[in-house]
C-alpha atoms as a PDB file:
ATOM      1  CA  MET A   1       0.000   0.000   0.000  1.00  0.00           C
ATOM      2  CA  SER A   2       1.345   3.420  -0.909  1.00  0.00           C
ATOM      3  CA  GLU A   3       1.902   6.302   1.475  1.00  0.00           C
ATOM      4  CA  PRO A   4      -0.988   8.848   1.582  1.00  0.00           C
ATOM      5  CA  LEU A   5      -0.358  12.228  -0.014  1.00  0.00           C
ATOM      6  CA  PRO A   6       0.495  15.131   2.297  1.00  0.00           C
ATOM      7  CA  GLU A   7      -2.545  17.315   2.949  1.00  0.00           C
ATOM      8  CA  PRO A   8      -1.665  20.199   0.550  1.00  0.00           C
ATOM      9  CA  LYS A   9      -1.088  17.750  -2.311  1.00  0.00           C
ATOM     10  CA  LEU A  10      -4.216  15.789  -1.432  1.00  0.00           C
ATOM     11  CA  LYS A  11      -6.302  18.998  -1.473  1.00  0.00           C
ATOM     12  CA  SER A  12      -4.847  19.915  -4.858  1.00  0.00           C
ATOM     13  CA  PHE A  13      -5.584  16.418  -6.172  1.00  0.00           C
ATOM     14  CA  CYS A  14      -9.184  16.634  -4.912  1.00  0.00           C
ATOM     15  CA  ASP A  15      -9.589  20.132  -6.408  1.00  0.00           C
ATOM     16  CA  ASN A  16      -8.453  18.791  -9.771  1.00  0.00           C
ATOM     17  CA  LEU A  17     -10.978  15.941  -9.575  1.00  0.00           C
ATOM     18  CA  VAL A  18     -13.795  18.401  -8.838  1.00  0.00           C
ATOM     19  CA  VAL A  19     -12.752  20.526 -11.839  1.00  0.00           C
ATOM     20  CA  MET A  20     -12.651  17.434 -14.052  1.00  0.00           C
ATOM     21  CA  ALA A  21     -16.125  16.396 -12.839  1.00  0.00           C
ATOM     22  CA  ALA A  22     -17.543  19.855 -13.547  1.00  0.00           C
ATOM     23  CA  GLU A  23     -15.903  19.936 -16.975  1.00  0.00           C
ATOM     24  CA  GLY A  24     -17.357  16.496 -17.713  1.00  0.00           C
ATOM     25  CA  MET A  25     -20.851  17.654 -16.765  1.00  0.00           C
ATOM     26  CA  GLU A  26     -20.423  20.751 -18.912  1.00  0.00           C
ATOM     27  CA  ALA A  27     -19.208  18.638 -21.843  1.00  0.00           C
ATOM     28  CA  ALA A  28     -22.357  16.518 -21.459  1.00  0.00           C
ATOM     29  CA  GLY A  29     -24.440  19.673 -21.899  1.00  0.00           C
ATOM     30  CA  ALA A  30     -25.270  20.530 -18.298  1.00  0.00           C
ATOM     31  CA  PRO A  31     -25.660  24.285 -17.741  1.00  0.00           C
ATOM     32  CA  ILE A  32     -23.598  25.849 -14.948  1.00  0.00           C
ATOM     33  CA  GLY A  33     -26.675  26.205 -12.732  1.00  0.00           C
ATOM     34  CA  MET A  34     -27.327  22.474 -12.911  1.00  0.00           C
ATOM     35  CA  ILE A  35     -23.670  21.658 -12.268  1.00  0.00           C
ATOM     36  CA  LEU A  36     -23.627  23.860  -9.175  1.00  0.00           C
ATOM     37  CA  ASP A  37     -26.946  22.419  -7.987  1.00  0.00           C
ATOM     38  CA  ARG A  38     -25.620  18.866  -8.272  1.00  0.00           C
ATOM     39  CA  LEU A  39     -22.331  19.690  -6.520  1.00  0.00           C
ATOM     40  CA  MET A  40     -24.102  21.551  -3.699  1.00  0.00           C
ATOM     41  CA  THR A  41     -26.731  18.815  -3.296  1.00  0.00           C
ATOM     42  CA  TYR A  42     -24.009  16.162  -3.062  1.00  0.00           C
ATOM     43  CA  THR A  43     -22.073  18.303  -0.609  1.00  0.00           C
ATOM     44  CA  ALA A  44     -25.064  18.972   1.632  1.00  0.00           C
ATOM     45  CA  ALA A  45     -26.173  15.330   1.635  1.00  0.00           C
ATOM     46  CA  GLN A  46     -22.704  14.093   2.536  1.00  0.00           C
ATOM     47  CA  MET A  47     -22.303  16.709   5.258  1.00  0.00           C
ATOM     48  CA  CYS A  48     -25.692  15.764   6.734  1.00  0.00           C
ATOM     49  CA  SER A  49     -24.770  12.085   6.744  1.00  0.00           C
ATOM     50  CA  VAL A  50     -21.473  12.812   8.534  1.00  0.00           C
ATOM     51  CA  ASP A  51     -22.314  15.743  10.834  1.00  0.00           C
ATOM     52  CA  GLY A  52     -26.137  15.694  10.993  1.00  0.00           C
ATOM     53  CA  SER A  53     -28.621  18.172   9.607  1.00  0.00           C
ATOM     54  CA  PRO A  54     -28.473  20.795  12.384  1.00  0.00           C
ATOM     55  CA  ALA A  55     -24.664  21.038  12.278  1.00  0.00           C
ATOM     56  CA  THR A  56     -24.708  21.145   8.478  1.00  0.00           C
ATOM     57  CA  ALA A  57     -27.293  23.929   8.460  1.00  0.00           C
ATOM     58  CA  LYS A  58     -25.161  25.919  10.916  1.00  0.00           C
ATOM     59  CA  ILE A  59     -22.091  25.479   8.713  1.00  0.00           C
ATOM     60  CA  PHE A  60     -24.055  26.746   5.688  1.00  0.00           C
ATOM     61  CA  ARG A  61     -25.391  29.716   7.696  1.00  0.00           C
ATOM     62  CA  ASP A  62     -21.869  30.570   8.886  1.00  0.00           C
ATOM     63  CA  LEU A  63     -20.576  30.307   5.322  1.00  0.00           C
ATOM     64  CA  ALA A  64     -23.398  32.543   4.080  1.00  0.00           C
ATOM     65  CA  GLU A  65     -22.373  35.179   6.649  1.00  0.00           C
ATOM     66  CA  GLN A  66     -18.760  34.974   5.474  1.00  0.00           C
ATOM     67  CA  ILE A  67     -19.880  35.354   1.848  1.00  0.00           C
ATOM     68  CA  ASP A  68     -22.048  38.365   2.794  1.00  0.00           C
ATOM     69  CA  GLY A  69     -19.011  39.763   4.613  1.00  0.00           C
ATOM     70  CA  GLY A  70     -16.869  39.733   1.482  1.00  0.00           C
ATOM     71  CA  LEU A  71     -15.180  36.333   1.468  1.00  0.00           C
ATOM     72  CA  PHE A  72     -15.143  36.243  -2.340  1.00  0.00           C
ATOM     73  CA  HIS A  73     -14.952  39.960  -3.135  1.00  0.00           C
ATOM     74  CA  ARG A  74     -11.417  39.544  -4.471  1.00  0.00           C
ATOM     75  CA  ILE A  75     -12.849  37.088  -7.009  1.00  0.00           C
ATOM     76  CA  THR A  76     -16.101  38.899  -7.846  1.00  0.00           C
ATOM     77  CA  GLY A  77     -14.798  42.452  -7.672  1.00  0.00           C
ATOM     78  CA  GLU A  78     -17.683  43.396  -5.402  1.00  0.00           C
ATOM     79  CA  GLY A  79     -17.068  45.960  -2.723  1.00  0.00           C
ATOM     80  CA  VAL A  80     -14.661  47.914  -4.942  1.00  0.00           C
ATOM     81  CA  ASN A  81     -16.448  51.059  -6.121  1.00  0.00           C
ATOM     82  CA  ASN A  82     -19.735  49.108  -6.181  1.00  0.00           C
ATOM     83  CA  SER A  83     -18.561  47.084  -9.165  1.00  0.00           C
ATOM     84  CA  GLY A  84     -18.407  43.359  -9.542  1.00  0.00           C
ATOM     85  CA  ALA A  85     -20.722  40.433  -9.957  1.00  0.00           C
ATOM     86  CA  ARG A  86     -24.203  40.730 -11.358  1.00  0.00           C
ATOM     87  CA  HIS A  87     -27.077  40.944  -8.889  1.00  0.00           C
END
């Protein structure tokens, strides 16, 4: 049995698999909204099965607060002279 990857390399490997899955769905004709819906549904279901529904809901609420607070502004451009993502 081989040695597990160190955490940074494992995260990168997993990120690449997620990108490949999304690209595969897109190549099959799935619109971005459907791809995101399927990824989020899978994520939520797995989190509920591991952590339970109440803990999962709290994690999503906490994440929503972080997003509202600007977590992705550097990606969307929001918060800089009121420019950025579409609303």
